[in-house]
């Protein structure tokens, strides 16, 4: 029952939220259990890493409702999987199971349902053991580099890499490496 203008506002609102997730300074892991259709699939794609339970189902069924994906589905899906696969998923409005999502690169891993949250938390904890500034810089470089040509992307990487050398965590991390210290406690400085 939305007008064209109301639909545009709704789409812009959803995209604003998903972009905030996508550009958040820290990594975001989606733990997908059950259906991730339409906006749910688009939400998972706004995350950096997607882990699916074996029962997860993904899809962009919007064209079957007379609309297109409106929260970034046409853009993120085609950046995550081959364009032909993205078009097939969107044009046919067919859902795919977790194993197919893994095979096409839509998800990073598929695990038994009872292990989903433990797997996501284990990955999150592993990420948290690394230097927070470096992780944030790496995420920023990847996201920005995907939006440009390779030469510009390399320049972005060099800038983010070199900026890390202004941090205490870089000095500490390198000292730990040289001294073979395994357990590190980065300060986020």
Protein backbone atom coordinates (compact mmCIF):
# COMPACT_ATOMS: atom_id res chain seq x y z
CA UNK A 1 0.00 0.00 0.00
CA UNK A 2 2.98 2.33 -0.36
CA UNK A 3 3.21 5.10 -2.91
CA UNK A 4 6.29 5.37 -5.13
CA UNK A 5 7.62 8.09 -2.82
CA UNK A 6 6.93 6.05 0.34
CA UNK A 7 8.61 3.00 -1.20
CA UNK A 8 11.66 5.13 -2.06
CA UNK A 9 11.84 6.38 1.54
CA UNK A 10 11.48 2.83 2.86
CA UNK A 11 14.21 1.54 0.53
CA UNK A 12 16.52 4.40 1.47
CA UNK A 13 15.89 3.77 5.18
CA UNK A 14 16.67 0.04 4.90
CA UNK A 15 19.76 0.73 2.82
CA UNK A 16 20.97 3.32 5.33
CA UNK A 17 20.78 0.77 8.15
CA UNK A 18 22.46 -1.98 6.13
CA UNK A 19 25.24 0.40 5.03
CA UNK A 20 25.84 1.25 8.69
CA UNK A 21 26.33 -2.45 9.37
CA UNK A 22 28.51 -2.87 6.29
CA UNK A 23 30.73 0.10 7.16
CA UNK A 24 30.89 -0.46 10.91
CA UNK A 25 34.55 -0.25 11.98
CA UNK A 26 34.58 -3.80 13.33
CA UNK A 27 33.76 -7.05 11.54
CA UNK A 28 30.16 -8.26 11.69
CA UNK A 29 29.38 -11.99 11.55
CA UNK A 30 25.93 -13.21 10.50
CA UNK A 31 24.87 -16.51 12.06
CA UNK A 32 22.00 -17.63 9.82
CA UNK A 33 19.58 -20.19 11.23
CA UNK A 34 16.48 -20.94 9.17
CA UNK A 35 15.09 -18.63 6.51
CA UNK A 36 17.03 -15.61 5.20
CA UNK A 37 14.72 -14.43 2.43
CA UNK A 38 14.43 -10.95 0.94
CA UNK A 39 15.46 -8.47 3.60
CA UNK A 40 16.89 -11.27 5.75
CA UNK A 41 19.20 -12.36 2.95
CA UNK A 42 20.11 -8.72 2.30
CA UNK A 43 20.88 -8.24 6.00
CA UNK A 44 23.20 -11.24 5.98
CA UNK A 45 24.96 -9.89 2.88
CA UNK A 46 25.60 -6.57 4.64
CA UNK A 47 27.68 -8.51 7.16
CA UNK A 48 31.35 -9.27 6.60
CA UNK A 49 31.16 -13.00 7.22
CA UNK A 50 28.20 -15.35 6.98
CA UNK A 51 27.99 -18.68 8.79
CA UNK A 52 24.92 -20.78 8.08
CA UNK A 53 23.28 -23.62 9.93
CA UNK A 54 22.58 -26.67 7.77
CA UNK A 55 18.87 -25.75 7.80
CA UNK A 56 19.43 -22.22 6.44
CA UNK A 57 17.57 -21.18 3.29
CA UNK A 58 18.58 -18.10 1.28
CA UNK A 59 16.69 -16.25 -1.41
CA UNK A 60 15.63 -13.01 -3.02
CA UNK A 61 11.96 -13.73 -3.80
CA UNK A 62 10.93 -10.12 -4.45
CA UNK A 63 10.25 -10.40 -8.21
CA UNK A 64 7.56 -12.94 -7.36
CA UNK A 65 5.88 -10.13 -5.43
CA UNK A 66 6.18 -7.63 -8.26
CA UNK A 67 9.13 -5.73 -6.80
CA UNK A 68 12.93 -5.88 -6.90
CA UNK A 69 15.18 -6.40 -3.90
CA UNK A 70 15.22 -3.04 -2.16
CA UNK A 71 17.83 -3.21 0.59
CA UNK A 72 20.95 -3.78 -1.51
CA UNK A 73 20.21 -7.30 -2.77
CA UNK A 74 20.83 -6.57 -6.44
CA UNK A 75 24.17 -4.96 -5.59
CA UNK A 76 25.63 -7.08 -2.79
CA UNK A 77 24.61 -10.46 -4.22
CA UNK A 78 26.34 -9.69 -7.53
CA UNK A 79 29.47 -8.70 -5.62
CA UNK A 80 29.51 -11.86 -3.51
CA UNK A 81 28.71 -14.49 -6.13
CA UNK A 82 29.16 -14.60 -9.91
CA UNK A 83 26.80 -12.16 -11.65
CA UNK A 84 25.06 -14.96 -13.54
CA UNK A 85 24.26 -16.78 -10.28
CA UNK A 86 23.00 -13.54 -8.72
CA UNK A 87 20.77 -12.89 -11.72
CA UNK A 88 19.44 -16.45 -11.64
CA UNK A 89 18.60 -16.20 -7.93
CA UNK A 90 16.90 -12.83 -8.32
CA UNK A 91 15.14 -13.44 -11.67
CA UNK A 92 13.77 -16.89 -10.71
CA UNK A 93 12.94 -15.96 -7.09
CA UNK A 94 13.99 -19.50 -6.13
CA UNK A 95 15.46 -20.22 -2.73
CA UNK A 96 18.72 -22.08 -2.19
CA UNK A 97 19.79 -24.31 0.68
CA UNK A 98 22.85 -23.73 2.83
CA UNK A 99 25.05 -26.20 0.94
CA UNK A 100 24.36 -24.41 -2.36
CA UNK A 101 24.98 -21.04 -0.68
CA UNK A 102 28.39 -22.35 0.39
CA UNK A 103 29.16 -23.71 -3.07
CA UNK A 104 28.49 -20.34 -4.74
CA UNK A 105 30.34 -18.32 -2.10
CA UNK A 106 27.33 -16.67 -0.48
CA UNK A 107 28.32 -18.06 2.93
CA UNK A 108 31.71 -18.78 4.45
CA UNK A 109 30.75 -21.98 6.27
CA UNK A 110 27.87 -24.34 6.94
CA UNK A 111 27.68 -26.05 10.32
CA UNK A 112 25.19 -28.19 12.21
CA UNK A 113 22.42 -26.06 13.72
CA UNK A 114 23.48 -26.83 17.28
CA UNK A 115 27.02 -25.59 16.54
CA UNK A 116 26.06 -22.34 14.79
CA UNK A 117 26.43 -19.83 17.61
CA UNK A 118 29.50 -21.52 19.08
CA UNK A 119 31.17 -21.43 15.65
CA UNK A 120 30.31 -17.75 15.15
CA UNK A 121 31.51 -16.85 18.64
CA UNK A 122 34.74 -18.82 18.19
CA UNK A 123 35.45 -16.88 15.00
CA UNK A 124 34.55 -13.57 16.67
CA UNK A 125 36.83 -14.34 19.62
CA UNK A 126 39.65 -15.22 17.23
CA UNK A 127 39.22 -11.89 15.46
CA UNK A 128 39.19 -10.08 18.83
CA UNK A 129 42.64 -11.46 19.65
CA UNK A 130 44.10 -9.45 16.76
CA UNK A 131 45.01 -5.76 16.78
CA UNK A 132 41.67 -3.88 16.62
CA UNK A 133 43.04 -0.95 14.63
CA UNK A 134 44.62 -3.27 12.07
CA UNK A 135 41.40 -5.29 11.73
CA UNK A 136 39.40 -2.08 11.24
CA UNK A 137 41.94 -0.78 8.69
CA UNK A 138 41.83 -4.09 6.80
CA UNK A 139 38.01 -3.99 6.67
CA UNK A 140 38.11 -0.39 5.47
CA UNK A 141 40.68 -1.21 2.78
CA UNK A 142 38.71 -4.21 1.50
CA UNK A 143 35.43 -2.30 1.36
CA UNK A 144 36.94 0.75 -0.31
CA UNK A 145 39.05 -1.31 -2.72
CA UNK A 146 36.01 -3.20 -3.97
CA UNK A 147 34.57 0.10 -5.18
CA UNK A 148 37.47 1.08 -7.42
CA UNK A 149 40.09 -0.11 -9.92
CA UNK A 150 43.10 -2.21 -8.84
CA UNK A 151 45.67 0.63 -8.89
CA UNK A 152 43.47 2.82 -6.71
CA UNK A 153 42.72 -0.15 -4.46
CA UNK A 154 46.43 -0.82 -3.96
CA UNK A 155 46.93 2.86 -3.04
CA UNK A 156 44.16 2.49 -0.43
CA UNK A 157 45.86 -0.61 0.94
CA UNK A 158 49.27 1.09 1.15
CA UNK A 159 47.72 4.03 3.04
CA UNK A 160 45.91 1.81 5.56
CA UNK A 161 49.00 -0.40 5.95
CA UNK A 162 51.30 2.55 6.58
CA UNK A 163 48.84 4.19 8.99
CA UNK A 164 49.17 1.12 11.23
CA UNK A 165 52.82 2.04 11.81
CA UNK A 166 51.64 5.03 13.86
CA UNK A 167 50.05 2.69 16.44
CA UNK A 168 51.38 1.19 19.65
CA UNK A 169 49.74 -2.09 18.65
CA UNK A 170 52.00 -2.34 15.57
CA UNK A 171 55.14 -1.90 17.66
CA UNK A 172 53.88 -4.36 20.26
CA UNK A 173 52.74 -6.90 17.67
CA UNK A 174 56.06 -6.83 15.84
CA UNK A 175 57.98 -7.17 19.13
CA UNK A 176 55.85 -10.18 20.04
CA UNK A 177 56.58 -11.73 16.65
CA UNK A 178 60.34 -11.20 16.92
CA UNK A 179 60.36 -12.53 20.50
CA UNK A 180 58.04 -15.45 19.61
CA UNK A 181 55.37 -14.36 22.10
CA UNK A 182 52.16 -16.25 21.30
CA UNK A 183 49.64 -14.69 23.69
CA UNK A 184 49.24 -11.00 22.93
CA UNK A 185 47.09 -8.31 24.49
CA UNK A 186 46.65 -5.45 22.07
CA UNK A 187 45.72 -2.06 23.57
CA UNK A 188 43.79 -0.58 20.61
CA UNK A 189 46.23 2.33 20.54
